[in-house]
Amino acid sequence: MIVADINLIAYFSIHTEHSALAEAVYAEDAVWAAPLLWRSEFRGTLVKYVQHSGMSFDLALASLRLAEEAIAGREYAVDSRRVLELAIQSKCSAYDCEYVALAQDLGVPLVTMDKQVLRAFPQTAVSLEKFAKKK
């Protein structure tokens, strides 16, 4: 199991230049978890793609379904105090620290491309490239 951050979820569910890498992560470990926040973040991403990148509404819905299938049954609430502590200590966003807190609580890696998170939490966070090349 891994914790997938919103960018990994988006790269997996929306065709981008990073989709092949996200698919390689999924091939390495197809059991993805995320904090409850991921749904709101992903909906916001889809709205931007529809409004600014010409994605059709139907494709946005298909992307949402794919993401929901990847996370199905593994959405978790996280402790707000812990998120605040992590964010204040690291200077990362509270949003990012929800993913960090969940990964630490579950004892699994957070797979991300966020450079700030990778620097602040080297014991928890691993890059998509590094995780996909584990084999």
N, C-alpha and C. Protein backbone atom coordinates (compact mmCIF):
# COMPACT_ATOMS: atom_id res chain seq x y z
N MET A 1 0.84 -1.19 0.00
CA MET A 1 0.00 0.00 0.00
C MET A 1 0.88 1.24 0.00
N ILE A 2 0.40 2.27 -0.69
CA ILE A 2 1.04 3.58 -0.67
C ILE A 2 -0.03 4.64 -0.42
N VAL A 3 0.41 5.81 0.00
CA VAL A 3 -0.45 6.98 -0.02
C VAL A 3 -0.11 7.73 -1.30
N ALA A 4 -1.13 7.96 -2.11
CA ALA A 4 -0.97 8.69 -3.37
C ALA A 4 -1.41 10.13 -3.15
N ASP A 5 -0.54 11.08 -3.49
CA ASP A 5 -0.96 12.47 -3.35
C ASP A 5 -1.81 12.87 -4.55
N ILE A 6 -2.34 14.05 -4.50
CA ILE A 6 -3.30 14.48 -5.53
C ILE A 6 -2.66 14.53 -6.91
N ASN A 7 -1.40 14.87 -6.98
CA ASN A 7 -0.76 14.92 -8.30
C ASN A 7 -0.62 13.52 -8.90
N LEU A 8 -0.23 12.55 -8.08
CA LEU A 8 -0.14 11.18 -8.57
C LEU A 8 -1.51 10.69 -9.02
N ILE A 9 -2.53 10.97 -8.24
CA ILE A 9 -3.89 10.56 -8.61
C ILE A 9 -4.28 11.20 -9.94
N ALA A 10 -3.98 12.47 -10.10
CA ALA A 10 -4.31 13.17 -11.35
C ALA A 10 -3.51 12.62 -12.52
N TYR A 11 -2.22 12.41 -12.34
CA TYR A 11 -1.40 11.86 -13.43
C TYR A 11 -1.90 10.49 -13.87
N PHE A 12 -2.41 9.72 -12.92
CA PHE A 12 -2.92 8.39 -13.22
C PHE A 12 -4.27 8.45 -13.95
N SER A 13 -5.07 9.44 -13.60
CA SER A 13 -6.45 9.49 -14.07
C SER A 13 -6.68 10.40 -15.27
N ILE A 14 -5.79 11.33 -15.50
CA ILE A 14 -5.89 12.29 -16.60
C ILE A 14 -4.64 12.12 -17.46
N HIS A 15 -4.81 12.02 -18.74
CA HIS A 15 -3.64 11.84 -19.61
C HIS A 15 -2.77 13.09 -19.58
N THR A 16 -1.54 12.94 -19.05
CA THR A 16 -0.57 14.03 -18.99
C THR A 16 0.79 13.47 -19.37
N GLU A 17 1.80 14.32 -19.38
CA GLU A 17 3.14 13.87 -19.69
C GLU A 17 3.70 12.95 -18.59
N HIS A 18 3.06 12.93 -17.43
CA HIS A 18 3.51 12.09 -16.32
C HIS A 18 2.68 10.82 -16.15
N SER A 19 1.75 10.58 -17.04
CA SER A 19 0.84 9.44 -16.89
C SER A 19 1.56 8.10 -16.93
N ALA A 20 2.54 7.95 -17.81
CA ALA A 20 3.26 6.68 -17.89
C ALA A 20 3.97 6.37 -16.56
N LEU A 21 4.52 7.39 -15.95
CA LEU A 21 5.20 7.22 -14.66
C LEU A 21 4.18 6.84 -13.58
N ALA A 22 3.02 7.47 -13.58
CA ALA A 22 1.97 7.14 -12.62
C ALA A 22 1.49 5.71 -12.82
N GLU A 23 1.38 5.29 -14.06
CA GLU A 23 0.99 3.91 -14.35
C GLU A 23 2.05 2.92 -13.87
N ALA A 24 3.32 3.30 -13.96
CA ALA A 24 4.40 2.45 -13.47
C ALA A 24 4.32 2.31 -11.94
N VAL A 25 3.97 3.40 -11.26
CA VAL A 25 3.77 3.34 -9.81
C VAL A 25 2.63 2.38 -9.49
N TYR A 26 1.54 2.50 -10.24
CA TYR A 26 0.37 1.63 -10.03
C TYR A 26 0.73 0.17 -10.29
N ALA A 27 1.56 -0.08 -11.29
CA ALA A 27 1.99 -1.44 -11.58
C ALA A 27 2.84 -2.01 -10.44
N GLU A 28 3.61 -1.15 -9.81
CA GLU A 28 4.45 -1.56 -8.67
C GLU A 28 3.60 -1.84 -7.43
N ASP A 29 2.59 -0.98 -7.19
CA ASP A 29 1.70 -1.15 -6.04
C ASP A 29 0.35 -0.54 -6.38
N ALA A 30 -0.65 -1.38 -6.54
CA ALA A 30 -1.99 -0.93 -6.96
C ALA A 30 -2.93 -0.66 -5.79
N VAL A 31 -2.40 -0.70 -4.58
CA VAL A 31 -3.22 -0.43 -3.41
C VAL A 31 -2.90 0.99 -2.93
N TRP A 32 -3.78 1.93 -3.32
CA TRP A 32 -3.56 3.34 -3.03
C TRP A 32 -4.52 3.82 -1.96
N ALA A 33 -4.02 4.66 -1.06
CA ALA A 33 -4.83 5.29 -0.02
C ALA A 33 -4.65 6.80 -0.14
N ALA A 34 -5.62 7.54 0.42
CA ALA A 34 -5.55 9.00 0.40
C ALA A 34 -6.41 9.56 1.53
N PRO A 35 -6.09 10.77 1.99
CA PRO A 35 -6.97 11.42 2.96
C PRO A 35 -8.27 11.84 2.26
N LEU A 36 -9.31 12.03 3.03
CA LEU A 36 -10.60 12.43 2.46
C LEU A 36 -10.50 13.67 1.57
N LEU A 37 -9.57 14.52 1.86
CA LEU A 37 -9.34 15.75 1.11
C LEU A 37 -9.14 15.52 -0.39
N TRP A 38 -8.64 14.37 -0.78
CA TRP A 38 -8.28 14.13 -2.17
C TRP A 38 -9.44 14.39 -3.12
N ARG A 39 -10.65 14.04 -2.74
CA ARG A 39 -11.81 14.19 -3.64
C ARG A 39 -12.03 15.66 -4.01
N SER A 40 -12.00 16.53 -3.02
CA SER A 40 -12.20 17.96 -3.30
C SER A 40 -11.08 18.51 -4.16
N GLU A 41 -9.85 18.12 -3.85
CA GLU A 41 -8.72 18.58 -4.65
C GLU A 41 -8.84 18.09 -6.09
N PHE A 42 -9.24 16.85 -6.26
CA PHE A 42 -9.32 16.28 -7.61
C PHE A 42 -10.47 16.91 -8.40
N ARG A 43 -11.59 17.15 -7.74
CA ARG A 43 -12.69 17.85 -8.43
C ARG A 43 -12.23 19.22 -8.91
N GLY A 44 -11.48 19.93 -8.09
CA GLY A 44 -10.97 21.24 -8.49
C GLY A 44 -10.04 21.13 -9.69
N THR A 45 -9.21 20.10 -9.71
CA THR A 45 -8.32 19.87 -10.84
C THR A 45 -9.12 19.61 -12.11
N LEU A 46 -10.15 18.77 -12.00
CA LEU A 46 -10.97 18.46 -13.17
C LEU A 46 -11.68 19.70 -13.71
N VAL A 47 -12.18 20.53 -12.81
CA VAL A 47 -12.84 21.77 -13.25
C VAL A 47 -11.86 22.64 -14.04
N LYS A 48 -10.63 22.74 -13.58
CA LYS A 48 -9.62 23.53 -14.31
C LYS A 48 -9.37 22.93 -15.70
N TYR A 49 -9.27 21.62 -15.79
CA TYR A 49 -9.05 20.97 -17.09
C TYR A 49 -10.22 21.24 -18.03
N VAL A 50 -11.44 21.18 -17.52
CA VAL A 50 -12.62 21.43 -18.36
C VAL A 50 -12.66 22.89 -18.79
N GLN A 51 -12.45 23.80 -17.86
CA GLN A 51 -12.58 25.22 -18.14
C GLN A 51 -11.41 25.80 -18.94
N HIS A 52 -10.20 25.26 -18.75
CA HIS A 52 -9.03 25.89 -19.35
C HIS A 52 -8.27 25.03 -20.35
N SER A 53 -8.51 23.73 -20.36
CA SER A 53 -7.73 22.86 -21.23
C SER A 53 -8.59 22.10 -22.23
N GLY A 54 -9.87 22.40 -22.24
CA GLY A 54 -10.74 21.79 -23.24
C GLY A 54 -11.16 20.35 -22.96
N MET A 55 -10.96 19.86 -21.74
CA MET A 55 -11.41 18.51 -21.41
C MET A 55 -12.94 18.50 -21.44
N SER A 56 -13.51 17.45 -22.00
CA SER A 56 -14.97 17.34 -22.04
C SER A 56 -15.48 16.94 -20.65
N PHE A 57 -16.73 17.27 -20.40
CA PHE A 57 -17.36 16.89 -19.14
C PHE A 57 -17.37 15.37 -19.00
N ASP A 58 -17.66 14.67 -20.09
CA ASP A 58 -17.69 13.20 -20.04
C ASP A 58 -16.32 12.62 -19.70
N LEU A 59 -15.27 13.20 -20.26
CA LEU A 59 -13.92 12.73 -19.94
C LEU A 59 -13.57 13.04 -18.48
N ALA A 60 -14.01 14.19 -18.00
CA ALA A 60 -13.78 14.53 -16.59
C ALA A 60 -14.46 13.50 -15.68
N LEU A 61 -15.68 13.12 -16.01
CA LEU A 61 -16.38 12.10 -15.22
C LEU A 61 -15.67 10.75 -15.29
N ALA A 62 -15.18 10.39 -16.46
CA ALA A 62 -14.46 9.13 -16.61
C ALA A 62 -13.17 9.16 -15.78
N SER A 63 -12.49 10.29 -15.78
CA SER A 63 -11.26 10.44 -14.98
C SER A 63 -11.58 10.33 -13.50
N LEU A 64 -12.69 10.92 -13.09
CA LEU A 64 -13.10 10.85 -11.69
C LEU A 64 -13.41 9.41 -11.30
N ARG A 65 -14.10 8.69 -12.16
CA ARG A 65 -14.41 7.28 -11.86
C ARG A 65 -13.13 6.45 -11.74
N LEU A 66 -12.17 6.68 -12.63
CA LEU A 66 -10.90 5.95 -12.58
C LEU A 66 -10.17 6.23 -11.26
N ALA A 67 -10.14 7.49 -10.86
CA ALA A 67 -9.49 7.86 -9.61
C ALA A 67 -10.20 7.23 -8.42
N GLU A 68 -11.53 7.26 -8.43
CA GLU A 68 -12.30 6.66 -7.34
C GLU A 68 -12.05 5.17 -7.24
N GLU A 69 -11.91 4.50 -8.36
CA GLU A 69 -11.60 3.07 -8.36
C GLU A 69 -10.22 2.80 -7.77
N ALA A 70 -9.26 3.66 -8.07
CA ALA A 70 -7.90 3.47 -7.56
C ALA A 70 -7.84 3.62 -6.04
N ILE A 71 -8.68 4.49 -5.49
CA ILE A 71 -8.65 4.78 -4.05
C ILE A 71 -9.74 4.01 -3.29
N ALA A 72 -10.63 3.37 -3.98
CA ALA A 72 -11.83 2.75 -3.41
C ALA A 72 -11.60 2.07 -2.06
N GLY A 73 -12.35 2.53 -1.06
CA GLY A 73 -12.31 1.92 0.25
C GLY A 73 -11.11 2.27 1.10
N ARG A 74 -10.24 3.14 0.59
CA ARG A 74 -9.03 3.50 1.34
C ARG A 74 -8.90 5.01 1.46
N GLU A 75 -9.97 5.64 1.92
CA GLU A 75 -9.99 7.08 2.18
C GLU A 75 -10.07 7.26 3.69
N TYR A 76 -9.21 8.12 4.22
CA TYR A 76 -9.09 8.22 5.66
C TYR A 76 -9.16 9.67 6.14
N ALA A 77 -9.77 9.82 7.32
CA ALA A 77 -9.69 11.09 8.03
C ALA A 77 -8.32 11.13 8.71
N VAL A 78 -7.77 12.31 8.84
CA VAL A 78 -6.49 12.46 9.52
C VAL A 78 -6.66 13.41 10.70
N ASP A 79 -5.77 13.28 11.66
CA ASP A 79 -5.82 14.09 12.87
C ASP A 79 -5.41 15.53 12.56
N SER A 80 -6.30 16.47 12.82
CA SER A 80 -6.04 17.88 12.49
C SER A 80 -4.85 18.44 13.24
N ARG A 81 -4.72 18.09 14.49
CA ARG A 81 -3.58 18.60 15.28
C ARG A 81 -2.27 18.15 14.65
N ARG A 82 -2.21 16.90 14.26
CA ARG A 82 -0.99 16.36 13.63
C ARG A 82 -0.68 17.06 12.33
N VAL A 83 -1.70 17.31 11.52
CA VAL A 83 -1.51 18.02 10.25
C VAL A 83 -0.95 19.41 10.51
N LEU A 84 -1.51 20.12 11.46
CA LEU A 84 -1.02 21.46 11.78
C LEU A 84 0.42 21.41 12.25
N GLU A 85 0.76 20.47 13.12
CA GLU A 85 2.13 20.35 13.61
C GLU A 85 3.10 20.09 12.46
N LEU A 86 2.75 19.16 11.59
CA LEU A 86 3.63 18.85 10.45
C LEU A 86 3.80 20.06 9.54
N ALA A 87 2.71 20.75 9.27
CA ALA A 87 2.76 21.91 8.37
C ALA A 87 3.61 23.04 8.96
N ILE A 88 3.42 23.31 10.24
CA ILE A 88 4.17 24.39 10.88
C ILE A 88 5.66 24.04 10.94
N GLN A 89 5.97 22.79 11.28
CA GLN A 89 7.37 22.38 11.38
C GLN A 89 8.07 22.37 10.03
N SER A 90 7.35 21.98 8.99
CA SER A 90 7.99 21.79 7.68
C SER A 90 7.85 22.96 6.73
N LYS A 91 6.88 23.83 7.00
CA LYS A 91 6.53 24.93 6.11
C LYS A 91 5.86 24.44 4.82
N CYS A 92 5.45 23.18 4.80
CA CYS A 92 4.63 22.65 3.69
C CYS A 92 3.18 23.05 3.95
N SER A 93 2.35 22.95 2.94
CA SER A 93 0.95 23.30 3.12
C SER A 93 0.24 22.28 4.00
N ALA A 94 -0.84 22.71 4.61
CA ALA A 94 -1.66 21.78 5.40
C ALA A 94 -2.22 20.69 4.49
N TYR A 95 -2.57 21.06 3.25
CA TYR A 95 -3.06 20.06 2.30
C TYR A 95 -2.03 18.95 2.12
N ASP A 96 -0.80 19.34 1.84
CA ASP A 96 0.27 18.35 1.64
C ASP A 96 0.49 17.52 2.89
N CYS A 97 0.40 18.16 4.04
CA CYS A 97 0.66 17.45 5.29
C CYS A 97 -0.46 16.47 5.66
N GLU A 98 -1.63 16.60 5.06
CA GLU A 98 -2.65 15.58 5.26
C GLU A 98 -2.17 14.25 4.67
N TYR A 99 -1.55 14.31 3.50
CA TYR A 99 -1.02 13.11 2.87
C TYR A 99 0.15 12.55 3.68
N VAL A 100 1.01 13.43 4.17
CA VAL A 100 2.16 13.00 4.99
C VAL A 100 1.67 12.32 6.26
N ALA A 101 0.72 12.95 6.95
CA ALA A 101 0.21 12.39 8.20
C ALA A 101 -0.41 11.01 7.96
N LEU A 102 -1.15 10.88 6.89
CA LEU A 102 -1.76 9.59 6.60
C LEU A 102 -0.70 8.52 6.33
N ALA A 103 0.28 8.86 5.53
CA ALA A 103 1.35 7.89 5.24
C ALA A 103 2.06 7.47 6.53
N GLN A 104 2.34 8.42 7.39
CA GLN A 104 3.01 8.10 8.65
C GLN A 104 2.10 7.24 9.54
N ASP A 105 0.82 7.57 9.59
CA ASP A 105 -0.12 6.79 10.41
C ASP A 105 -0.24 5.35 9.91
N LEU A 106 -0.24 5.18 8.59
CA LEU A 106 -0.38 3.84 8.01
C LEU A 106 0.95 3.09 7.92
N GLY A 107 2.06 3.82 8.09
CA GLY A 107 3.38 3.20 7.99
C GLY A 107 3.74 2.80 6.57
N VAL A 108 3.29 3.61 5.61
CA VAL A 108 3.55 3.33 4.19
C VAL A 108 4.13 4.58 3.55
N PRO A 109 4.76 4.44 2.37
CA PRO A 109 5.32 5.63 1.72
C PRO A 109 4.25 6.52 1.12
N LEU A 110 4.55 7.81 1.11
CA LEU A 110 3.79 8.80 0.35
C LEU A 110 4.51 8.95 -0.98
N VAL A 111 3.84 8.68 -2.09
CA VAL A 111 4.47 8.80 -3.40
C VAL A 111 4.03 10.13 -3.99
N THR A 112 5.02 10.97 -4.31
CA THR A 112 4.74 12.35 -4.71
C THR A 112 5.84 12.87 -5.62
N MET A 113 5.52 13.93 -6.36
CA MET A 113 6.54 14.66 -7.12
C MET A 113 6.81 16.02 -6.49
N ASP A 114 6.16 16.30 -5.36
CA ASP A 114 6.29 17.59 -4.70
C ASP A 114 7.67 17.70 -4.06
N LYS A 115 8.51 18.54 -4.63
CA LYS A 115 9.89 18.67 -4.18
C LYS A 115 10.00 19.13 -2.72
N GLN A 116 9.12 20.04 -2.33
CA GLN A 116 9.16 20.53 -0.95
C GLN A 116 8.83 19.40 0.03
N VAL A 117 7.83 18.59 -0.28
CA VAL A 117 7.46 17.47 0.57
C VAL A 117 8.58 16.43 0.60
N LEU A 118 9.16 16.16 -0.55
CA LEU A 118 10.27 15.19 -0.62
C LEU A 118 11.43 15.64 0.25
N ARG A 119 11.74 16.94 0.24
CA ARG A 119 12.84 17.47 1.06
C ARG A 119 12.49 17.46 2.55
N ALA A 120 11.26 17.85 2.88
CA ALA A 120 10.87 17.98 4.28
C ALA A 120 10.63 16.64 4.97
N PHE A 121 10.25 15.63 4.20
CA PHE A 121 9.87 14.35 4.79
C PHE A 121 10.57 13.18 4.09
N PRO A 122 11.90 13.15 4.11
CA PRO A 122 12.62 12.11 3.37
C PRO A 122 12.38 10.69 3.90
N GLN A 123 11.94 10.55 5.14
CA GLN A 123 11.67 9.22 5.70
C GLN A 123 10.28 8.72 5.32
N THR A 124 9.44 9.63 4.80
CA THR A 124 8.05 9.29 4.48
C THR A 124 7.77 9.35 2.99
N ALA A 125 8.28 10.39 2.34
CA ALA A 125 7.95 10.66 0.94
C ALA A 125 8.99 10.07 0.00
N VAL A 126 8.52 9.55 -1.12
CA VAL A 126 9.38 9.01 -2.16
C VAL A 126 8.86 9.51 -3.51
N SER A 127 9.77 9.80 -4.41
CA SER A 127 9.37 10.30 -5.72
C SER A 127 8.74 9.21 -6.57
N LEU A 128 7.94 9.61 -7.53
CA LEU A 128 7.34 8.65 -8.45
C LEU A 128 8.44 7.87 -9.16
N GLU A 129 9.47 8.56 -9.61
CA GLU A 129 10.54 7.92 -10.35
C GLU A 129 11.23 6.85 -9.51
N LYS A 130 11.56 7.17 -8.29
CA LYS A 130 12.25 6.22 -7.42
C LYS A 130 11.34 5.04 -7.08
N PHE A 131 10.08 5.31 -6.79
CA PHE A 131 9.17 4.22 -6.43
C PHE A 131 8.93 3.30 -7.61
N ALA A 132 8.76 3.87 -8.80
CA ALA A 132 8.47 3.07 -9.99
C ALA A 132 9.65 2.20 -10.39
N LYS A 133 10.85 2.57 -9.98
CA LYS A 133 12.07 1.82 -10.35
C LYS A 133 12.48 0.83 -9.27
N LYS A 134 11.60 0.55 -8.32
CA LYS A 134 11.93 -0.37 -7.23
C LYS A 134 12.22 -1.76 -7.72
N LYS A 135 11.59 -2.18 -8.80
CA LYS A 135 11.76 -3.56 -9.30
C LYS A 135 13.16 -3.84 -9.75
